[in-house]
Amino acid sequence: MYFRPLRLFKLIVTFICVNIVIYELYRLLLHSKTSSSLNENEIDQISYSLQPFYIRLPNFSDDEAKNWFYSSTYYKINSKKCPEGLCEEKGVLFNDTKEHLSVNVFLVKNGLYINDKCGYNYETTAINRTFVSADQTTVIYDKAIIYTVPDGWAFQHFLDGIGPKLAHSMSYLQKYPDAKVIILKGIRFDRSVKEIWSMLGVEDSKRIIHYTSNMKIGARLLINPCITPGIHPRLWQDARSMYWSISGIPNRESEVKRKNLIYIQRTSKNAMNGARLILNEEPFIKVLRDYCLKNSLNYVQYDHSKDKDHIRSRIELFYNAKIIIGVHSGALSNMNFAQSGTTIIEIMPYRQESSVLPMTCSMYRPDDIKACAGYILYTQSQLLDQSYWMLPNVVNAQGNINLNISRVEKLFGKI
């Protein structure tokens, strides 16, 4: 038989080509099946439910304060949630499953984040969003965790927005020490917030991504703790324990050490939004100092703009607080470091022409029932199981306060 090398060569080439085609078809088919499998099983959801809870009404030193609060937008909205109208006995009941009780973490393979609001209303379509190719993204990380709450770069809103989410998702920061942390880019990045992140093992230069709305962030594993209640005692108290722990404070409350009466001073230099200054501050401070002398307390006058120490020192300062008093402001958020049972006194400014509304809500008519952020500090104090006192005081045309000193003395006579 005559051997024909050319024919054999053609057969070998044909065989190789056929195998290549078969392999490519098999690979495409396998990829299609894998993608389908990912679409069906790409998300792991870790969820649990919290118990319904009550928020007690504030303490009042006189009828003027009580009547003012009872006419407030907060009370008009939330008194309907009191069981059988027993607001004074039990407080306001919070039991909405989605808004108050359902805690979730979603682990999304090939997840894609595009400027979604991080809160309990985070949409299902956003949770399920994934990427297939790099051109759908601005950048791709191996792992990333979403904490894009509004103004989370600022101290106050880190505590009230990111803190509750961190309380139940901090383990992922530890489990994945290379995971990027996604927060919103702001007009600044508060030093105290940087320091808290650093104590959590998240250094700004290495892990924090300051998100802007034009970014499309992909991650091989996208960790999403956004669908978490904004308020719940367990989350807020767990967050507080977290701050104590990373600061080296044992997770136990110490009544013996609670010797500080802290006046959070608001001045024209440290107030970012202006106004709400106490014009007759000298006699007011005298009341505070006299109370400290009579009750063996340390008087501490705290001005956050002069605080150059590490946040660890401030956490310890407020951990040892017996009483915290100040005008409604973000600096009162330091109560998040104080123990249960700490007395919180909020001087609540309001305009006479909007007689039932805090200054922060003065754009609303008194009869216009809308929620108001002016009560967030009261809410925080109650979530932290602290003793909250509200002292409403009218402001002048410039938004500043002449405190009624006799009312202040009466309040201190009751605590």
Protein backbone atom coordinates (compact mmCIF):
# COMPACT_ATOMS: atom_id res chain seq x y z
CA MET A 1 0.00 0.00 0.00
CA TYR A 2 1.32 3.37 -1.02
CA PHE A 3 1.89 5.77 1.93
CA ARG A 4 0.65 9.32 1.32
CA PRO A 5 2.09 11.80 3.88
CA LEU A 6 0.01 14.75 2.60
CA ARG A 7 -3.25 12.89 3.15
CA LEU A 8 -2.18 11.91 6.68
CA PHE A 9 -1.25 15.50 7.44
CA LYS A 10 -4.69 16.68 6.28
CA LEU A 11 -6.39 14.09 8.45
CA ILE A 12 -4.38 15.15 11.51
CA VAL A 13 -5.14 18.85 10.91
CA THR A 14 -8.83 18.06 10.43
CA PHE A 15 -8.87 15.99 13.62
CA ILE A 16 -7.23 18.79 15.59
CA CYS A 17 -9.64 21.43 14.21
CA VAL A 18 -12.68 19.30 15.00
CA ASN A 19 -11.44 18.81 18.56
CA ILE A 20 -10.82 22.53 18.98
CA VAL A 21 -14.35 23.31 17.80
CA ILE A 22 -15.80 20.65 20.10
CA TYR A 23 -13.76 21.99 23.04
CA GLU A 24 -14.86 25.58 22.41
CA LEU A 25 -18.51 24.55 22.12
CA TYR A 26 -18.18 22.55 25.34
CA ARG A 27 -16.48 25.49 27.12
CA LEU A 28 -19.20 27.91 26.01
CA LEU A 29 -21.90 25.47 27.07
CA LEU A 30 -20.19 24.96 30.44
CA HIS A 31 -19.83 28.73 30.91
CA SER A 32 -23.52 29.14 30.13
CA LYS A 33 -24.41 26.51 32.69
CA THR A 34 -22.07 28.04 35.26
CA SER A 35 -23.60 31.48 34.74
CA SER A 36 -27.04 30.02 35.12
CA SER A 37 -25.94 28.29 38.27
CA LEU A 38 -24.52 31.57 39.60
CA ASN A 39 -27.76 33.36 38.83
CA GLU A 40 -29.60 30.80 40.88
CA ASN A 41 -27.12 30.43 43.74
CA GLU A 42 -24.94 33.54 43.65
CA ILE A 43 -26.43 35.11 46.80
CA ASP A 44 -26.20 33.84 50.35
CA GLN A 45 -28.50 35.56 52.81
CA ILE A 46 -27.83 35.54 56.55
CA SER A 47 -30.87 36.82 58.42
CA TYR A 48 -32.37 36.94 61.86
CA SER A 49 -35.24 38.72 63.57
CA LEU A 50 -35.10 40.99 66.59
CA GLN A 51 -37.78 41.45 69.22
CA PRO A 52 -40.21 44.39 69.15
CA PHE A 53 -39.19 47.19 71.49
CA TYR A 54 -40.50 50.29 73.25
CA ILE A 55 -39.06 53.78 73.38
CA ARG A 56 -40.02 55.48 76.61
CA LEU A 57 -41.20 59.08 76.68
CA PRO A 58 -38.70 61.69 77.92
CA ASN A 59 -38.47 62.78 81.54
CA PHE A 60 -39.73 66.31 82.20
CA SER A 61 -38.91 68.66 85.06
CA ASP A 62 -42.03 70.80 84.58
CA ASP A 63 -45.35 70.99 82.74
CA GLU A 64 -43.94 73.47 80.24
CA ALA A 65 -41.53 70.86 78.91
CA LYS A 66 -44.13 68.10 79.01
CA ASN A 67 -46.80 70.11 77.19
CA TRP A 68 -44.30 71.23 74.57
CA PHE A 69 -43.31 67.64 73.79
CA TYR A 70 -46.92 66.45 73.71
CA SER A 71 -47.56 69.05 71.00
CA SER A 72 -44.53 67.97 68.96
CA THR A 73 -44.50 66.30 65.58
CA TYR A 74 -42.78 63.27 67.07
CA TYR A 75 -45.51 62.66 69.62
CA LYS A 76 -48.33 63.33 67.15
CA ILE A 77 -46.93 60.69 64.81
CA ASN A 78 -45.77 58.06 67.28
CA SER A 79 -48.37 58.23 70.06
CA LYS A 80 -50.60 56.19 67.76
CA LYS A 81 -48.16 53.32 68.26
CA CYS A 82 -48.56 53.24 72.03
CA PRO A 83 -50.38 50.04 73.13
CA GLU A 84 -53.92 50.93 74.23
CA GLY A 85 -52.86 54.56 74.48
CA LEU A 86 -50.53 53.84 77.39
CA CYS A 87 -47.70 56.08 76.20
CA GLU A 88 -46.63 57.26 79.63
CA GLU A 89 -46.61 53.77 81.10
CA LYS A 90 -44.93 51.79 78.33
CA GLY A 91 -43.78 54.23 75.66
CA VAL A 92 -43.99 53.93 71.87
CA LEU A 93 -44.02 50.42 70.39
CA PHE A 94 -41.78 49.75 67.38
CA ASN A 95 -42.60 46.42 65.74
CA ASP A 96 -42.54 46.86 61.97
CA THR A 97 -40.76 43.75 60.64
CA LYS A 98 -38.92 45.43 57.78
CA GLU A 99 -38.10 48.76 59.41
CA HIS A 100 -37.34 47.67 62.97
CA LEU A 101 -36.82 43.91 63.33
CA SER A 102 -35.30 42.20 60.27
CA VAL A 103 -31.49 42.05 60.17
CA ASN A 104 -29.77 40.82 57.00
CA VAL A 105 -26.39 40.34 55.40
CA PHE A 106 -26.19 39.38 51.71
CA LEU A 107 -23.05 37.76 50.28
CA VAL A 108 -23.19 38.30 46.52
CA LYS A 109 -20.81 36.60 44.09
CA ASN A 110 -19.74 38.97 41.34
CA GLY A 111 -21.86 41.67 42.94
CA LEU A 112 -22.20 45.13 41.41
CA TYR A 113 -22.81 48.28 43.47
CA ILE A 114 -24.17 51.39 41.71
CA ASN A 115 -25.06 54.30 44.00
CA ASP A 116 -27.83 52.58 45.98
CA LYS A 117 -29.06 53.95 49.29
CA CYS A 118 -27.79 51.79 52.15
CA GLY A 119 -30.75 51.27 54.49
CA TYR A 120 -33.62 48.98 55.35
CA ASN A 121 -35.35 49.97 52.09
CA TYR A 122 -32.47 48.71 49.94
CA GLU A 123 -34.15 47.36 46.82
CA THR A 124 -34.15 43.68 45.81
CA THR A 125 -33.04 44.54 42.29
CA ALA A 126 -29.97 46.27 43.72
CA ILE A 127 -29.15 43.28 45.93
CA ASN A 128 -29.37 40.92 42.94
CA ARG A 129 -27.27 43.09 40.64
CA THR A 130 -24.18 41.29 39.30
CA PHE A 131 -21.61 41.83 36.57
CA VAL A 132 -20.45 39.43 33.87
CA SER A 133 -17.69 41.43 32.22
CA ALA A 134 -15.26 44.11 33.36
CA ASP A 135 -16.74 46.74 31.03
CA GLN A 136 -19.84 46.81 33.29
CA THR A 137 -17.72 48.14 36.14
CA THR A 138 -15.41 51.03 36.96
CA VAL A 139 -13.27 48.80 39.15
CA ILE A 140 -13.35 45.21 40.39
CA TYR A 141 -12.21 44.19 43.88
CA ASP A 142 -11.83 40.70 45.23
CA LYS A 143 -14.03 41.52 48.25
CA ALA A 144 -15.91 44.64 49.32
CA ILE A 145 -18.34 45.62 52.08
CA ILE A 146 -21.00 48.31 51.58
CA TYR A 147 -21.50 51.02 54.24
CA THR A 148 -22.74 53.86 52.02
CA VAL A 149 -25.07 55.55 54.49
CA PRO A 150 -25.63 59.31 53.99
CA ASP A 151 -22.78 61.38 55.44
CA GLY A 152 -21.13 58.32 56.97
CA TRP A 153 -17.80 60.18 56.79
CA ALA A 154 -19.03 62.51 59.57
CA PHE A 155 -18.79 61.55 63.26
CA GLN A 156 -22.49 61.96 64.07
CA HIS A 157 -23.72 60.01 61.06
CA PHE A 158 -21.09 57.32 61.35
CA LEU A 159 -22.55 56.57 64.79
CA ASP A 160 -26.23 56.73 63.83
CA GLY A 161 -25.90 55.27 60.31
CA ILE A 162 -22.94 52.94 60.05
CA GLY A 163 -22.70 51.92 63.72
CA PRO A 164 -25.86 49.73 63.84
CA LYS A 165 -24.77 47.96 60.63
CA LEU A 166 -21.27 47.40 61.94
CA ALA A 167 -22.73 45.90 65.12
CA HIS A 168 -23.81 42.77 63.24
CA SER A 169 -21.34 42.72 60.33
CA MET A 170 -18.00 43.49 62.01
CA SER A 171 -17.10 39.79 61.83
CA TYR A 172 -16.73 40.12 58.05
CA LEU A 173 -14.10 42.84 58.52
CA GLN A 174 -12.16 40.33 60.59
CA LYS A 175 -12.86 37.33 58.37
CA TYR A 176 -11.79 39.20 55.22
CA PRO A 177 -8.99 41.57 56.29
CA ASP A 178 -8.32 42.45 52.64
CA ALA A 179 -11.93 43.47 51.90
CA LYS A 180 -12.46 47.03 50.74
CA VAL A 181 -14.85 49.18 52.78
CA ILE A 182 -17.15 51.35 50.64
CA ILE A 183 -18.32 54.64 52.20
CA LEU A 184 -19.65 57.80 50.57
CA LYS A 185 -17.14 60.49 49.70
CA GLY A 186 -17.84 63.65 51.70
CA ILE A 187 -16.71 67.23 52.02
CA ARG A 188 -14.33 65.96 54.69
CA PHE A 189 -13.44 62.75 56.50
CA ASP A 190 -13.68 63.31 60.25
CA ARG A 191 -10.55 62.36 62.16
CA SER A 192 -12.55 60.53 64.83
CA VAL A 193 -14.21 58.38 62.15
CA LYS A 194 -10.82 57.51 60.65
CA GLU A 195 -9.61 56.52 64.10
CA ILE A 196 -12.59 54.25 64.77
CA TRP A 197 -12.08 52.54 61.40
CA SER A 198 -8.38 52.17 62.20
CA MET A 199 -9.16 50.53 65.56
CA LEU A 200 -11.36 48.13 63.62
CA GLY A 201 -8.35 47.24 61.46
CA VAL A 202 -9.45 49.30 58.48
CA GLU A 203 -6.80 51.82 57.44
CA ASP A 204 -8.02 54.60 55.17
CA SER A 205 -5.15 54.43 52.69
CA LYS A 206 -5.39 50.68 52.18
CA ARG A 207 -9.00 49.63 52.50
CA ILE A 208 -11.48 52.51 52.52
CA ILE A 209 -12.99 53.46 49.15
CA HIS A 210 -14.62 56.91 49.09
CA TYR A 211 -17.52 56.30 46.74
CA THR A 212 -18.80 58.84 44.23
CA SER A 213 -21.97 58.51 42.15
CA ASN A 214 -20.15 57.89 38.86
CA MET A 215 -18.48 54.71 40.16
CA LYS A 216 -19.64 51.18 39.35
CA ILE A 217 -17.98 48.90 41.86
CA GLY A 218 -17.76 45.19 41.20
CA ALA A 219 -16.57 42.63 43.72
CA ARG A 220 -16.01 38.90 43.41
CA LEU A 221 -17.66 38.82 46.83
CA LEU A 222 -19.85 41.81 47.66
CA ILE A 223 -20.93 41.89 51.31
CA ASN A 224 -24.09 43.90 51.87
CA PRO A 225 -25.35 44.58 55.44
CA CYS A 226 -27.56 47.50 54.37
CA ILE A 227 -30.96 45.98 55.09
CA THR A 228 -30.68 46.52 58.80
CA PRO A 229 -32.98 48.48 61.12
CA GLY A 230 -31.82 52.03 61.69
CA ILE A 231 -32.99 51.79 65.27
CA HIS A 232 -33.08 48.85 67.65
CA PRO A 233 -31.75 48.63 71.25
CA ARG A 234 -29.78 45.47 70.56
CA LEU A 235 -27.94 46.92 67.57
CA TRP A 236 -27.16 50.22 69.27
CA GLN A 237 -26.00 48.60 72.50
CA ASP A 238 -23.93 46.06 70.56
CA ALA A 239 -22.33 48.93 68.66
CA ARG A 240 -21.55 50.66 71.96
CA SER A 241 -19.92 47.47 73.28
CA MET A 242 -17.89 47.37 70.07
CA TYR A 243 -16.57 50.92 70.69
CA TRP A 244 -15.67 49.99 74.26
CA SER A 245 -13.95 46.79 73.16
CA ILE A 246 -11.74 48.36 70.48
CA SER A 247 -10.80 51.08 72.97
CA GLY A 248 -9.65 48.56 75.55
CA ILE A 249 -12.55 49.14 77.94
CA PRO A 250 -13.84 45.89 79.48
CA ASN A 251 -17.37 45.12 78.38
CA ARG A 252 -18.89 45.69 81.77
CA GLU A 253 -20.51 48.71 83.28
CA SER A 254 -18.76 50.31 86.24
CA GLU A 255 -20.93 52.47 88.50
CA VAL A 256 -17.94 53.33 90.68
CA LYS A 257 -16.08 55.14 87.90
CA ARG A 258 -19.04 57.20 86.72
CA LYS A 259 -17.99 60.52 88.25
CA ASN A 260 -18.13 62.95 85.29
CA LEU A 261 -20.72 65.62 84.68
CA ILE A 262 -19.96 66.61 81.10
CA TYR A 263 -21.22 69.89 79.68
CA ILE A 264 -20.95 69.77 75.89
CA GLN A 265 -20.21 73.39 75.12
CA ARG A 266 -21.41 74.97 71.89
CA THR A 267 -19.54 78.09 70.77
CA SER A 268 -19.44 80.36 67.73
CA LYS A 269 -16.11 78.73 66.81
CA ASN A 270 -17.06 75.05 67.12
CA ALA A 271 -20.64 75.20 65.77
CA MET A 272 -20.57 74.22 62.10
CA ASN A 273 -24.20 75.28 61.56
CA GLY A 274 -24.12 78.40 63.73
CA ALA A 275 -26.77 79.57 66.23
CA ARG A 276 -28.06 77.59 69.25
CA LEU A 277 -25.57 79.36 71.53
CA ILE A 278 -26.34 79.82 75.25
CA LEU A 279 -26.09 83.57 75.78
CA ASN A 280 -26.26 83.49 79.60
CA GLU A 281 -23.71 80.69 79.89
CA GLU A 282 -21.99 81.94 83.06
CA PRO A 283 -24.91 81.48 85.50
CA PHE A 284 -25.77 78.19 83.76
CA ILE A 285 -22.24 76.84 84.33
CA LYS A 286 -22.47 77.94 87.98
CA VAL A 287 -25.53 75.70 88.41
CA LEU A 288 -23.57 72.78 86.97
CA ARG A 289 -20.51 73.39 89.12
CA ASP A 290 -22.58 73.75 92.28
CA TYR A 291 -24.35 70.48 91.54
CA CYS A 292 -20.97 68.75 91.08
CA LEU A 293 -19.70 70.06 94.43
CA LYS A 294 -22.80 68.81 96.24
CA ASN A 295 -22.68 65.38 94.60
CA SER A 296 -18.91 64.72 94.44
CA LEU A 297 -18.81 64.78 90.64
CA ASN A 298 -16.10 65.99 88.27
CA TYR A 299 -17.18 68.97 86.17
CA VAL A 300 -15.96 68.53 82.58
CA GLN A 301 -16.48 71.25 79.98
CA TYR A 302 -16.12 69.53 76.62
CA ASP A 303 -15.39 71.46 73.40
CA HIS A 304 -14.91 69.02 70.52
CA SER A 305 -12.93 71.55 68.48
CA LYS A 306 -10.22 71.59 71.17
CA ASP A 307 -10.08 67.82 71.52
CA LYS A 308 -6.85 66.74 69.84
CA ASP A 309 -6.60 63.38 71.59
CA HIS A 310 -7.27 60.02 69.97
CA ILE A 311 -10.94 58.99 69.92
CA ARG A 312 -10.01 56.29 72.43
CA SER A 313 -9.64 58.96 75.15
CA ARG A 314 -13.05 60.44 74.37
CA ILE A 315 -14.73 57.05 74.49
CA GLU A 316 -13.26 56.53 77.96
CA LEU A 317 -14.29 60.04 79.06
CA PHE A 318 -17.93 59.51 78.14
CA TYR A 319 -17.89 55.92 79.38
CA ASN A 320 -17.26 57.39 82.84
CA ALA A 321 -20.03 60.00 82.55
CA LYS A 322 -22.77 60.21 85.17
CA ILE A 323 -24.54 63.16 83.52
CA ILE A 324 -24.22 64.63 80.01
CA ILE A 325 -25.86 67.97 79.22
CA GLY A 326 -25.85 70.16 76.13
CA VAL A 327 -27.84 71.97 73.49
CA HIS A 328 -29.26 69.88 70.64
CA SER A 329 -26.23 69.24 68.39
CA GLY A 330 -24.17 66.49 66.81
CA ALA A 331 -21.67 66.60 69.69
CA LEU A 332 -24.31 65.04 71.94
CA SER A 333 -23.82 61.89 69.88
CA ASN A 334 -20.93 61.14 72.23
CA MET A 335 -23.65 59.64 74.45
CA ASN A 336 -23.07 56.52 72.32
CA PHE A 337 -20.00 55.87 74.46
CA ALA A 338 -21.82 56.35 77.79
CA GLN A 339 -23.20 53.54 79.91
CA SER A 340 -26.81 52.53 80.42
CA GLY A 341 -28.38 54.62 83.14
CA THR A 342 -26.37 57.74 82.29
CA THR A 343 -28.49 60.90 82.63
CA ILE A 344 -28.78 62.78 79.33
CA ILE A 345 -30.16 66.33 79.39
CA GLU A 346 -30.88 67.85 75.98
CA ILE A 347 -31.63 71.56 75.80
CA MET A 348 -34.04 71.59 72.86
CA PRO A 349 -34.18 74.94 71.01
CA TYR A 350 -37.36 76.03 69.24
CA ARG A 351 -38.74 79.13 67.58
CA GLN A 352 -41.63 80.96 69.18
CA GLU A 353 -43.42 81.42 65.85
CA SER A 354 -43.32 77.62 65.38
CA SER A 355 -44.09 76.97 68.99
CA VAL A 356 -44.29 73.18 68.90
CA LEU A 357 -41.28 72.45 66.70
CA PRO A 358 -37.55 72.16 67.38
CA MET A 359 -35.42 74.61 65.49
CA THR A 360 -34.21 71.86 63.21
CA CYS A 361 -37.78 71.37 62.02
CA SER A 362 -38.88 75.00 61.78
CA MET A 363 -39.48 74.69 58.04
CA TYR A 364 -42.63 72.68 58.82
CA ARG A 365 -45.91 74.20 59.91
CA PRO A 366 -46.97 73.17 63.44
CA ASP A 367 -50.04 71.43 62.03
CA ASP A 368 -48.08 69.67 59.29
CA ILE A 369 -47.44 66.18 60.64
CA LYS A 370 -44.05 65.10 59.33
CA ALA A 371 -41.19 63.16 60.82
CA CYS A 372 -38.37 65.27 62.17
CA ALA A 373 -34.69 64.52 62.72
CA GLY A 374 -34.76 66.83 65.73
CA TYR A 375 -35.65 63.88 67.98
CA ILE A 376 -32.82 61.55 66.93
CA LEU A 377 -30.73 62.24 70.05
CA TYR A 378 -33.69 61.49 72.30
CA THR A 379 -34.20 58.25 70.37
CA GLN A 380 -30.53 57.30 70.65
CA SER A 381 -30.52 57.85 74.40
CA GLN A 382 -33.51 55.57 74.86
CA LEU A 383 -32.02 52.88 72.62
CA LEU A 384 -28.94 52.99 74.85
CA ASP A 385 -31.10 52.56 77.96
CA GLN A 386 -30.15 55.95 79.35
CA SER A 387 -32.22 58.37 81.42
CA TYR A 388 -33.22 61.14 79.02
CA TRP A 389 -34.49 64.58 80.07
CA MET A 390 -35.75 67.16 77.59
CA LEU A 391 -35.59 70.89 78.37
CA PRO A 392 -37.24 72.94 75.57
CA ASN A 393 -36.17 76.58 75.39
CA VAL A 394 -37.22 79.28 72.96
CA VAL A 395 -34.56 80.97 70.81
CA ASN A 396 -34.25 84.63 69.82
CA ALA A 397 -34.32 86.04 66.31
CA GLN A 398 -30.71 84.94 65.77
CA GLY A 399 -31.45 81.40 66.91
CA ASN A 400 -29.62 81.72 70.23
CA ILE A 401 -30.81 80.90 73.75
CA ASN A 402 -31.31 82.77 77.00
CA LEU A 403 -31.74 79.83 79.34
CA ASN A 404 -34.31 79.99 82.09
CA ILE A 405 -31.92 79.28 84.97
CA SER A 406 -34.68 78.53 87.47
CA ARG A 407 -35.95 75.76 85.18
CA VAL A 408 -32.43 74.33 84.95
CA GLU A 409 -32.18 74.34 88.77
CA LYS A 410 -35.57 72.66 89.02
CA LEU A 411 -34.47 69.93 86.62
CA PHE A 412 -31.28 69.24 88.59
CA GLY A 413 -33.38 69.04 91.71
CA LYS A 414 -35.27 66.11 90.20
CA ILE A 415 -32.55 63.93 88.66
